[in-house]
Amino acid sequence: MTETPPPLVEVHPDAETLATAVAGELLNRVADAQAAGHVPNVGLTGGTIADAVHREIARLAPASGVDWGAVVLWFGDERFVPADSADRNVNQARAAFLDEVGAHRVHTAPASSEVGSVEESATAYADTFRAQGIGDFDVLMLGVGPDGHVASLFPGHPALETTSAITVGVHDSPKPPPERVSLTFEALNRSQSVWFLASGEAKADAVRRALAEEGSVAETPARGVTGAAETIWFLDRDAAGQL
């Protein structure tokens, strides 16, 4: 069995520099994949630093040569709220860059105004993965919470234990809103490249725990996701402060 390579850590002076670096690297990766005749599958995340990255993608996109209409986009998790809610990751991404760059192959879990329960939403999202025949994410971007959570997989939460499934319905999330749909560890780990994005001093302890030689996934879920080809931690100086 091939061992996954150790994580790489890339530290930038501040959140703005970090966002520009991540956006530029993603555009390069996607452009190279398309030049090779490959249809890229990219996993997006929500949060403050992701929003900054998305806005930088929109700014840099015109010169990149990327055909965003031919990129397949997914979300690592989604909030189970009405379709027009600003809390929806997909709505934040649409406002920041998806609509501007012409991305239309965008998939996420159905909203609470579209299906009757979080379990129905999770099942529908899993069915979309199966219908699309996705193998691995080419790039999966993940934010990291101050508690070490990734997607909507929170420390000590029952959703961490889900196996043999693509998605899980999350109830009683410690971070509002309480109902969410998340990809499972098994689905998240079907990624060639995993990019963790973290900025700010509040993330420093979670980053330290995630990268420590010892520790548990139950305590720090970010420890449970690695890329088959690479795992990169994109940090600003504050988030890297305890390394």
Protein backbone atom coordinates (compact mmCIF):
# COMPACT_ATOMS: atom_id res chain seq x y z
CA MET A 1 0.00 0.00 0.00
CA THR A 2 1.39 3.39 -1.01
CA GLU A 3 2.02 5.71 1.88
CA THR A 4 0.69 9.24 1.62
CA PRO A 5 3.40 11.90 1.67
CA PRO A 6 3.81 14.03 4.79
CA PRO A 7 1.96 17.35 4.83
CA LEU A 8 3.58 20.49 3.50
CA VAL A 9 3.21 23.77 5.37
CA GLU A 10 3.22 27.08 3.49
CA VAL A 11 3.18 30.20 5.65
CA HIS A 12 2.24 33.63 4.28
CA PRO A 13 2.58 37.01 5.98
CA ASP A 14 -1.14 37.72 6.22
CA ALA A 15 -4.58 36.58 5.12
CA GLU A 16 -4.55 38.70 1.96
CA THR A 17 -1.27 37.23 0.73
CA LEU A 18 -2.50 33.76 1.62
CA ALA A 19 -5.71 34.21 -0.37
CA THR A 20 -3.84 35.43 -3.45
CA ALA A 21 -1.40 32.50 -3.28
CA VAL A 22 -4.13 29.88 -2.97
CA ALA A 23 -6.22 31.41 -5.75
CA GLY A 24 -3.24 31.58 -8.10
CA GLU A 25 -2.22 28.00 -7.37
CA LEU A 26 -5.74 26.70 -7.92
CA LEU A 27 -6.04 28.52 -11.24
CA ASN A 28 -2.70 27.08 -12.35
CA ARG A 29 -3.72 23.54 -11.39
CA VAL A 30 -7.07 23.77 -13.13
CA ALA A 31 -5.56 25.33 -16.27
CA ASP A 32 -2.94 22.57 -16.46
CA ALA A 33 -5.59 19.88 -16.02
CA GLN A 34 -7.72 21.33 -18.78
CA ALA A 35 -4.72 21.67 -21.08
CA ALA A 36 -4.14 17.94 -20.58
CA GLY A 37 -7.75 17.18 -21.54
CA HIS A 38 -8.92 16.43 -18.01
CA VAL A 39 -12.19 17.63 -16.46
CA PRO A 40 -11.22 18.89 -12.99
CA ASN A 41 -13.31 18.10 -9.91
CA VAL A 42 -12.71 20.68 -7.18
CA GLY A 43 -14.05 20.68 -3.64
CA LEU A 44 -14.88 24.10 -2.18
CA THR A 45 -15.26 25.21 1.42
CA GLY A 46 -16.91 28.07 3.26
CA GLY A 47 -15.64 30.55 5.80
CA THR A 48 -13.85 33.88 5.92
CA ILE A 49 -10.56 32.83 4.35
CA ALA A 50 -12.36 30.81 1.68
CA ASP A 51 -14.40 33.89 0.79
CA ALA A 52 -11.16 35.86 0.38
CA VAL A 53 -9.74 33.09 -1.83
CA HIS A 54 -12.90 33.04 -3.94
CA ARG A 55 -12.76 36.79 -4.50
CA GLU A 56 -9.14 36.50 -5.58
CA ILE A 57 -10.09 33.72 -8.01
CA ALA A 58 -12.62 36.09 -9.57
CA ARG A 59 -10.00 38.84 -9.82
CA LEU A 60 -7.34 36.61 -11.36
CA ALA A 61 -9.60 34.42 -13.50
CA PRO A 62 -9.66 36.49 -16.71
CA ALA A 63 -5.92 36.03 -17.25
CA SER A 64 -5.84 32.37 -16.24
CA GLY A 65 -7.24 30.70 -19.34
CA VAL A 66 -9.48 28.49 -17.19
CA ASP A 67 -12.84 27.47 -18.66
CA TRP A 68 -14.94 27.51 -15.49
CA GLY A 69 -17.90 26.11 -17.39
CA ALA A 70 -15.92 22.87 -17.69
CA VAL A 71 -14.93 22.61 -14.01
CA VAL A 72 -17.06 20.40 -11.76
CA LEU A 73 -17.46 21.96 -8.32
CA TRP A 74 -18.56 20.41 -5.04
CA PHE A 75 -18.80 21.45 -1.40
CA GLY A 76 -17.34 19.56 1.53
CA ASP A 77 -20.38 20.49 3.58
CA GLU A 78 -23.52 22.56 3.42
CA ARG A 79 -25.87 24.16 5.93
CA PHE A 80 -29.41 22.74 5.94
CA VAL A 81 -31.22 26.07 5.72
CA PRO A 82 -33.50 27.62 3.07
CA ALA A 83 -32.12 27.90 -0.45
CA ASP A 84 -31.93 31.69 -0.33
CA SER A 85 -30.12 31.84 3.02
CA ALA A 86 -26.84 33.74 3.20
CA ASP A 87 -25.60 30.91 5.44
CA ARG A 88 -25.46 28.53 2.49
CA ASN A 89 -21.87 27.92 1.37
CA VAL A 90 -22.99 27.76 -2.23
CA ASN A 91 -24.62 31.20 -2.01
CA GLN A 92 -21.48 32.72 -0.51
CA ALA A 93 -19.40 31.19 -3.31
CA ARG A 94 -21.82 32.35 -6.00
CA ALA A 95 -21.63 35.91 -4.71
CA ALA A 96 -17.85 35.82 -4.47
CA PHE A 97 -16.90 34.17 -7.76
CA LEU A 98 -19.02 31.39 -9.24
CA ASP A 99 -21.46 33.62 -11.10
CA GLU A 100 -18.75 36.01 -12.23
CA VAL A 101 -16.56 33.31 -13.78
CA GLY A 102 -19.45 31.42 -15.38
CA ALA A 103 -19.26 28.24 -13.31
CA HIS A 104 -22.43 26.20 -13.72
CA ARG A 105 -21.44 22.60 -12.94
CA VAL A 106 -21.93 23.28 -9.24
CA HIS A 107 -23.21 20.62 -6.84
CA THR A 108 -24.16 20.78 -3.20
CA ALA A 109 -26.66 19.28 -0.78
CA PRO A 110 -30.29 20.36 -1.26
CA ALA A 111 -31.65 23.10 1.00
CA SER A 112 -34.32 22.81 3.69
CA SER A 113 -36.78 24.50 1.32
CA GLU A 114 -36.15 21.79 -1.29
CA VAL A 115 -36.32 18.53 0.72
CA GLY A 116 -38.01 17.55 3.96
CA SER A 117 -35.12 16.50 6.18
CA VAL A 118 -31.37 16.65 6.55
CA GLU A 119 -31.22 12.90 5.87
CA GLU A 120 -33.02 13.39 2.55
CA SER A 121 -30.55 16.13 1.68
CA ALA A 122 -27.58 13.92 2.52
CA THR A 123 -28.99 11.05 0.45
CA ALA A 124 -29.65 13.32 -2.53
CA TYR A 125 -26.11 14.72 -2.41
CA ALA A 126 -24.64 11.21 -2.26
CA ASP A 127 -26.80 10.21 -5.22
CA THR A 128 -25.38 13.15 -7.19
CA PHE A 129 -21.85 11.90 -6.55
CA ARG A 130 -22.79 8.45 -7.80
CA ALA A 131 -24.58 9.81 -10.86
CA GLN A 132 -21.61 11.98 -11.80
CA GLY A 133 -19.20 9.07 -11.44
CA ILE A 134 -16.65 11.17 -9.56
CA GLY A 135 -13.43 9.35 -8.74
CA ASP A 136 -11.16 11.63 -6.74
CA PHE A 137 -11.22 15.35 -6.16
CA ASP A 138 -8.32 16.88 -8.03
CA VAL A 139 -8.16 19.55 -5.33
CA LEU A 140 -10.19 19.63 -2.12
CA MET A 141 -10.03 22.83 -0.08
CA LEU A 142 -10.97 22.66 3.60
CA GLY A 143 -11.22 25.32 6.25
CA VAL A 144 -10.31 24.45 9.84
CA GLY A 145 -12.33 25.62 12.82
CA PRO A 146 -10.76 26.78 16.09
CA ASP A 147 -11.91 23.44 17.53
CA GLY A 148 -10.18 21.51 14.73
CA HIS A 149 -13.33 20.61 12.79
CA VAL A 150 -13.34 20.22 9.02
CA ALA A 151 -16.39 20.29 6.74
CA SER A 152 -19.14 19.65 9.33
CA LEU A 153 -17.26 16.93 11.19
CA PHE A 154 -16.92 18.24 14.73
CA PRO A 155 -14.83 16.93 17.64
CA GLY A 156 -16.56 14.15 19.53
CA HIS A 157 -19.65 14.28 17.31
CA PRO A 158 -21.40 11.04 16.26
CA ALA A 159 -21.02 12.02 12.58
CA LEU A 160 -17.30 11.26 12.89
CA GLU A 161 -18.12 7.57 13.15
CA THR A 162 -20.02 7.33 9.84
CA THR A 163 -18.54 4.68 7.54
CA SER A 164 -19.43 3.14 4.17
CA ALA A 165 -21.16 6.35 3.12
CA ILE A 166 -20.44 9.41 1.03
CA THR A 167 -22.42 11.87 3.13
CA VAL A 168 -23.83 12.22 6.62
CA GLY A 169 -26.65 14.31 8.01
CA VAL A 170 -25.40 16.29 10.99
CA HIS A 171 -27.72 17.17 13.86
CA ASP A 172 -26.94 19.29 16.91
CA SER A 173 -23.91 20.93 15.36
CA PRO A 174 -22.00 22.83 18.06
CA LYS A 175 -21.71 25.68 15.58
CA PRO A 176 -24.96 27.14 14.19
CA PRO A 177 -26.93 26.33 12.18
CA PRO A 178 -27.55 23.01 13.96
CA GLU A 179 -28.42 20.90 10.91
CA ARG A 180 -25.91 20.34 8.13
CA VAL A 181 -24.82 17.85 5.50
CA SER A 182 -21.18 16.83 5.37
CA LEU A 183 -19.03 14.59 3.27
CA THR A 184 -17.66 11.75 5.38
CA PHE A 185 -13.98 11.10 6.02
CA GLU A 186 -14.12 8.35 3.40
CA ALA A 187 -15.39 10.79 0.76
CA LEU A 188 -13.04 13.63 1.78
CA ASN A 189 -10.08 11.30 1.56
CA ARG A 190 -10.85 10.51 -2.07
CA SER A 191 -8.72 13.50 -3.04
CA GLN A 192 -5.44 13.78 -4.87
CA SER A 193 -4.62 17.13 -3.29
CA VAL A 194 -6.02 18.34 0.03
CA TRP A 195 -5.48 22.01 0.87
CA PHE A 196 -6.19 23.21 4.38
CA LEU A 197 -6.79 26.96 4.64
CA ALA A 198 -6.35 28.70 7.99
CA SER A 199 -5.79 32.29 8.99
CA GLY A 200 -5.81 34.15 12.27
CA GLU A 201 -4.53 33.56 15.77
CA ALA A 202 -7.76 31.80 16.79
CA LYS A 203 -6.83 28.88 14.49
CA ALA A 204 -3.28 28.46 15.80
CA ASP A 205 -4.03 25.81 18.44
CA ALA A 206 -6.14 23.75 16.04
CA VAL A 207 -3.38 23.90 13.43
CA ARG A 208 -0.81 22.81 16.00
CA ARG A 209 -2.96 19.86 17.12
CA ALA A 210 -3.73 18.82 13.55
CA LEU A 211 -0.04 18.72 12.60
CA ALA A 212 1.29 17.25 15.88
CA GLU A 213 2.93 13.84 15.78
CA GLU A 214 0.41 12.53 18.29
CA GLY A 215 -3.29 13.18 18.72
CA SER A 216 -6.69 11.78 17.86
CA VAL A 217 -9.14 12.40 15.04
CA ALA A 218 -11.94 12.46 17.61
CA GLU A 219 -10.31 15.46 19.29
CA THR A 220 -9.09 17.16 16.10
CA PRO A 221 -11.02 15.98 13.02
CA ALA A 222 -8.63 17.77 10.65
CA ARG A 223 -6.17 14.96 11.41
CA GLY A 224 -8.50 12.59 9.55
CA VAL A 225 -8.10 13.98 6.01
CA THR A 226 -5.07 13.59 3.76
CA GLY A 227 -4.49 13.80 0.02
CA ALA A 228 -3.29 10.78 -1.92
CA ALA A 229 -0.66 12.87 -3.74
CA GLU A 230 -0.22 15.83 -1.40
CA THR A 231 -1.57 17.61 1.63
CA ILE A 232 -0.78 21.30 1.94
CA TRP A 233 -1.49 23.61 4.85
CA PHE A 234 -1.83 27.18 3.59
CA LEU A 235 -1.45 29.39 6.67
CA ASP A 236 -0.89 32.98 7.52
CA ARG A 237 1.68 33.90 10.16
CA ASP A 238 -0.90 34.10 12.94
CA ALA A 239 -2.38 30.68 12.24
CA ALA A 240 1.14 29.20 12.17
CA GLY A 241 2.04 30.88 15.45
CA GLN A 242 2.15 27.70 17.54
CA LEU A 243 4.09 25.50 15.11
